[in-house]
Amino acid sequence: MAEEQLVTFSLGSEEFGVNIMLVQEIIRIPPITRVPKAPSYVEGVINLRGNVIPVVSLRNRFGMDRVEETDLSRIIVLQVEAKVFGIRVDGVTEVLRLDSEAIEPPPPVALGMDSQFIRGVGKIGDRLLILLELEHIMGES
């Protein structure tokens, strides 16, 4: 039986998951430098050990209300294809394994989010985990 290892995180009351193979690291939020004329969902760039990395606000990208940063807020640094970027999340929950049989295709309504960002929905007991398709997060669409 195939399984995926996921890093799970929260945005408000929703729980999301990304494939752990795409995650380079998880960091506390450093100072973010704003970039003029960047798309609204790009918060700016950070300096991570000499590398300049763009940071995407997933709340903004998904049309959610902005909230204040807390002690649990993190940036998950990802490498998707050749792009390295960070996503700002409200908190990282855990790392878990999920059987492929527990993953269903995204519902037609796509939970009010743009369906291009959703790869599927994972079921873990009573919890539902929205699995993200990260190739489009940095895209213009």
C-alpha atoms as a PDB file:
ATOM      1  CA  MET A   1       0.000   0.000   0.000  1.00  0.00           C
ATOM      2  CA  ALA A   2       1.448   3.363  -1.047  1.00  0.00           C
ATOM      3  CA  GLU A   3       1.627   6.174   1.442  1.00  0.00           C
ATOM      4  CA  GLU A   4       2.701   9.791   1.462  1.00  0.00           C
ATOM      5  CA  GLN A   5       4.576  11.628   4.142  1.00  0.00           C
ATOM      6  CA  LEU A   6       3.128  15.089   4.704  1.00  0.00           C
ATOM      7  CA  VAL A   7       3.922  18.228   6.646  1.00  0.00           C
ATOM      8  CA  THR A   8       0.616  19.557   7.969  1.00  0.00           C
ATOM      9  CA  PHE A   9      -0.126  23.142   8.916  1.00  0.00           C
ATOM     10  CA  SER A  10      -3.034  25.364   9.805  1.00  0.00           C
ATOM     11  CA  LEU A  11      -4.571  28.492   8.354  1.00  0.00           C
ATOM     12  CA  GLY A  12      -7.322  29.508  10.743  1.00  0.00           C
ATOM     13  CA  SER A  13      -9.439  26.441  11.489  1.00  0.00           C
ATOM     14  CA  GLU A  14      -8.454  24.628   8.282  1.00  0.00           C
ATOM     15  CA  GLU A  15      -5.688  22.054   8.134  1.00  0.00           C
ATOM     16  CA  PHE A  16      -3.516  21.615   5.049  1.00  0.00           C
ATOM     17  CA  GLY A  17      -0.803  19.225   3.960  1.00  0.00           C
ATOM     18  CA  VAL A  18       2.155  19.357   1.582  1.00  0.00           C
ATOM     19  CA  ASN A  19       4.414  16.519   0.500  1.00  0.00           C
ATOM     20  CA  ILE A  20       7.437  16.424   2.800  1.00  0.00           C
ATOM     21  CA  MET A  21       9.744  15.899  -0.194  1.00  0.00           C
ATOM     22  CA  LEU A  22       9.035  19.506  -1.278  1.00  0.00           C
ATOM     23  CA  VAL A  23       9.849  20.985   2.146  1.00  0.00           C
ATOM     24  CA  GLN A  24      13.399  22.297   2.579  1.00  0.00           C
ATOM     25  CA  GLU A  25      12.893  23.666   6.078  1.00  0.00           C
ATOM     26  CA  ILE A  26      10.489  25.352   8.466  1.00  0.00           C
ATOM     27  CA  ILE A  27      11.580  28.642  10.014  1.00  0.00           C
ATOM     28  CA  ARG A  28      10.316  31.342  12.345  1.00  0.00           C
ATOM     29  CA  ILE A  29       9.282  34.478  10.506  1.00  0.00           C
ATOM     30  CA  PRO A  30      12.268  36.782   9.926  1.00  0.00           C
ATOM     31  CA  PRO A  31      11.978  40.401   8.745  1.00  0.00           C
ATOM     32  CA  ILE A  32      10.269  40.404   5.342  1.00  0.00           C
ATOM     33  CA  THR A  33      11.307  43.014   2.776  1.00  0.00           C
ATOM     34  CA  ARG A  34       8.418  44.252   0.645  1.00  0.00           C
ATOM     35  CA  VAL A  35       8.881  44.169  -3.122  1.00  0.00           C
ATOM     36  CA  PRO A  36       7.316  46.959  -5.206  1.00  0.00           C
ATOM     37  CA  LYS A  37       4.728  45.849  -7.780  1.00  0.00           C
ATOM     38  CA  ALA A  38       4.798  42.228  -6.594  1.00  0.00           C
ATOM     39  CA  PRO A  39       1.469  40.375  -6.788  1.00  0.00           C
ATOM     40  CA  SER A  40      -0.707  41.009  -3.714  1.00  0.00           C
ATOM     41  CA  TYR A  41      -0.170  37.477  -2.368  1.00  0.00           C
ATOM     42  CA  VAL A  42       3.642  37.898  -2.328  1.00  0.00           C
ATOM     43  CA  GLU A  43       4.497  39.414   1.050  1.00  0.00           C
ATOM     44  CA  GLY A  44       8.067  40.138   0.028  1.00  0.00           C
ATOM     45  CA  VAL A  45      11.439  38.436   0.235  1.00  0.00           C
ATOM     46  CA  ILE A  46      13.607  37.097   3.049  1.00  0.00           C
ATOM     47  CA  ASN A  47      17.329  36.495   3.312  1.00  0.00           C
ATOM     48  CA  LEU A  48      17.879  32.866   4.220  1.00  0.00           C
ATOM     49  CA  ARG A  49      21.604  32.245   4.707  1.00  0.00           C
ATOM     50  CA  GLY A  50      22.481  34.503   1.780  1.00  0.00           C
ATOM     51  CA  ASN A  51      19.669  33.338  -0.526  1.00  0.00           C
ATOM     52  CA  VAL A  52      16.835  35.726  -1.358  1.00  0.00           C
ATOM     53  CA  ILE A  53      13.553  33.817  -1.192  1.00  0.00           C
ATOM     54  CA  PRO A  54      10.066  35.141  -2.030  1.00  0.00           C
ATOM     55  CA  VAL A  55       7.385  34.585   0.617  1.00  0.00           C
ATOM     56  CA  VAL A  56       3.758  33.913  -0.323  1.00  0.00           C
ATOM     57  CA  SER A  57       0.940  34.636   2.114  1.00  0.00           C
ATOM     58  CA  LEU A  58      -1.295  31.590   1.739  1.00  0.00           C
ATOM     59  CA  ARG A  59      -4.100  33.439   3.538  1.00  0.00           C
ATOM     60  CA  ASN A  60      -3.959  36.175   0.892  1.00  0.00           C
ATOM     61  CA  ARG A  61      -3.557  33.671  -1.967  1.00  0.00           C
ATOM     62  CA  PHE A  62      -6.645  31.766  -0.798  1.00  0.00           C
ATOM     63  CA  GLY A  63      -8.717  34.904  -0.160  1.00  0.00           C
ATOM     64  CA  MET A  64      -8.746  34.499   3.641  1.00  0.00           C
ATOM     65  CA  ASP A  65      -8.664  37.360   6.141  1.00  0.00           C
ATOM     66  CA  ARG A  66      -5.241  38.558   7.254  1.00  0.00           C
ATOM     67  CA  VAL A  67      -4.354  37.845  10.894  1.00  0.00           C
ATOM     68  CA  GLU A  68      -1.602  39.045  13.186  1.00  0.00           C
ATOM     69  CA  GLU A  69       1.547  36.971  13.437  1.00  0.00           C
ATOM     70  CA  THR A  70       1.741  34.763  16.542  1.00  0.00           C
ATOM     71  CA  ASP A  71       4.475  32.708  18.205  1.00  0.00           C
ATOM     72  CA  LEU A  72       3.230  29.744  16.156  1.00  0.00           C
ATOM     73  CA  SER A  73       3.444  31.499  12.751  1.00  0.00           C
ATOM     74  CA  ARG A  74       6.044  29.944  10.464  1.00  0.00           C
ATOM     75  CA  ILE A  75       7.406  30.059   6.952  1.00  0.00           C
ATOM     76  CA  ILE A  76       7.670  26.698   5.217  1.00  0.00           C
ATOM     77  CA  VAL A  77      10.494  26.901   2.665  1.00  0.00           C
ATOM     78  CA  LEU A  78       9.652  24.762  -0.354  1.00  0.00           C
ATOM     79  CA  GLN A  79      11.354  23.723  -3.539  1.00  0.00           C
ATOM     80  CA  VAL A  80       8.841  23.066  -6.293  1.00  0.00           C
ATOM     81  CA  GLU A  81      10.469  22.134  -9.577  1.00  0.00           C
ATOM     82  CA  ALA A  82      13.330  24.669  -9.790  1.00  0.00           C
ATOM     83  CA  LYS A  83      11.665  27.379  -7.677  1.00  0.00           C
ATOM     84  CA  VAL A  84      12.481  27.935  -4.015  1.00  0.00           C
ATOM     85  CA  PHE A  85       9.945  30.000  -2.082  1.00  0.00           C
ATOM     86  CA  GLY A  86       8.363  30.250   1.326  1.00  0.00           C
ATOM     87  CA  ILE A  87       4.721  30.005   2.335  1.00  0.00           C
ATOM     88  CA  ARG A  88       3.569  31.816   5.453  1.00  0.00           C
ATOM     89  CA  VAL A  89       1.277  29.707   7.634  1.00  0.00           C
ATOM     90  CA  ASP A  90      -0.464  30.195  10.979  1.00  0.00           C
ATOM     91  CA  GLY A  91       1.232  27.173  12.509  1.00  0.00           C
ATOM     92  CA  VAL A  92       2.873  23.875  11.612  1.00  0.00           C
ATOM     93  CA  THR A  93       0.935  20.969  13.088  1.00  0.00           C
ATOM     94  CA  GLU A  94       2.837  17.725  12.522  1.00  0.00           C
ATOM     95  CA  VAL A  95       4.513  15.362  10.108  1.00  0.00           C
ATOM     96  CA  LEU A  96       2.402  12.330   9.313  1.00  0.00           C
ATOM     97  CA  ARG A  97       2.008   9.422   6.926  1.00  0.00           C
ATOM     98  CA  LEU A  98      -1.191   9.059   4.949  1.00  0.00           C
ATOM     99  CA  ASP A  99      -2.220   5.999   2.917  1.00  0.00           C
ATOM    100  CA  SER A 100      -3.052   6.862  -0.679  1.00  0.00           C
ATOM    101  CA  GLU A 101      -6.415   5.114  -0.148  1.00  0.00           C
ATOM    102  CA  ALA A 102      -7.306   7.807   2.407  1.00  0.00           C
ATOM    103  CA  ILE A 103      -6.902  10.559  -0.228  1.00  0.00           C
ATOM    104  CA  GLU A 104      -9.932  11.564  -2.259  1.00  0.00           C
ATOM    105  CA  PRO A 105     -10.067  13.889  -5.276  1.00  0.00           C
ATOM    106  CA  PRO A 106     -10.991  17.485  -4.471  1.00  0.00           C
ATOM    107  CA  PRO A 107     -14.738  18.076  -4.124  1.00  0.00           C
ATOM    108  CA  PRO A 108     -16.346  19.870  -7.084  1.00  0.00           C
ATOM    109  CA  VAL A 109     -17.026  22.971  -5.002  1.00  0.00           C
ATOM    110  CA  ALA A 110     -13.323  23.010  -4.050  1.00  0.00           C
ATOM    111  CA  LEU A 111     -14.099  24.337  -0.571  1.00  0.00           C
ATOM    112  CA  GLY A 112     -14.439  27.914  -1.789  1.00  0.00           C
ATOM    113  CA  MET A 113     -10.793  27.935  -2.867  1.00  0.00           C
ATOM    114  CA  ASP A 114      -9.453  27.955  -6.356  1.00  0.00           C
ATOM    115  CA  SER A 115      -9.441  24.256  -7.280  1.00  0.00           C
ATOM    116  CA  GLN A 116      -6.057  24.541  -9.059  1.00  0.00           C
ATOM    117  CA  PHE A 117      -4.449  24.709  -5.593  1.00  0.00           C
ATOM    118  CA  ILE A 118      -6.089  21.523  -4.287  1.00  0.00           C
ATOM    119  CA  ARG A 119      -4.736  18.094  -5.103  1.00  0.00           C
ATOM    120  CA  GLY A 120      -7.114  16.180  -2.885  1.00  0.00           C
ATOM    121  CA  VAL A 121      -8.562  15.739   0.574  1.00  0.00           C
ATOM    122  CA  GLY A 122      -6.985  13.354   3.059  1.00  0.00           C
ATOM    123  CA  LYS A 123      -9.028  11.624   5.746  1.00  0.00           C
ATOM    124  CA  ILE A 124      -7.393  10.941   9.103  1.00  0.00           C
ATOM    125  CA  GLY A 125     -10.044   9.673  11.507  1.00  0.00           C
ATOM    126  CA  ASP A 126     -12.454  12.600  11.916  1.00  0.00           C
ATOM    127  CA  ARG A 127      -9.980  15.130  10.503  1.00  0.00           C
ATOM    128  CA  LEU A 128      -9.947  16.347   6.926  1.00  0.00           C
ATOM    129  CA  LEU A 129      -6.669  17.536   5.472  1.00  0.00           C
ATOM    130  CA  ILE A 130      -6.609  19.700   2.339  1.00  0.00           C
ATOM    131  CA  LEU A 131      -3.672  18.551   0.206  1.00  0.00           C
ATOM    132  CA  LEU A 132      -2.157  21.382  -1.778  1.00  0.00           C
ATOM    133  CA  GLU A 133      -0.948  21.418  -5.376  1.00  0.00           C
ATOM    134  CA  LEU A 134       2.002  23.785  -5.036  1.00  0.00           C
ATOM    135  CA  GLU A 135       3.003  24.154  -8.675  1.00  0.00           C
ATOM    136  CA  HIS A 136       0.425  26.951  -9.100  1.00  0.00           C
ATOM    137  CA  ILE A 137       0.931  28.856  -5.836  1.00  0.00           C
ATOM    138  CA  MET A 138       3.579  31.155  -7.345  1.00  0.00           C
ATOM    139  CA  GLY A 139       1.858  31.359 -10.742  1.00  0.00           C
ATOM    140  CA  GLU A 140      -0.048  34.388 -11.995  1.00  0.00           C
ATOM    141  CA  SER A 141      -3.332  32.496 -12.317  1.00  0.00           C
END
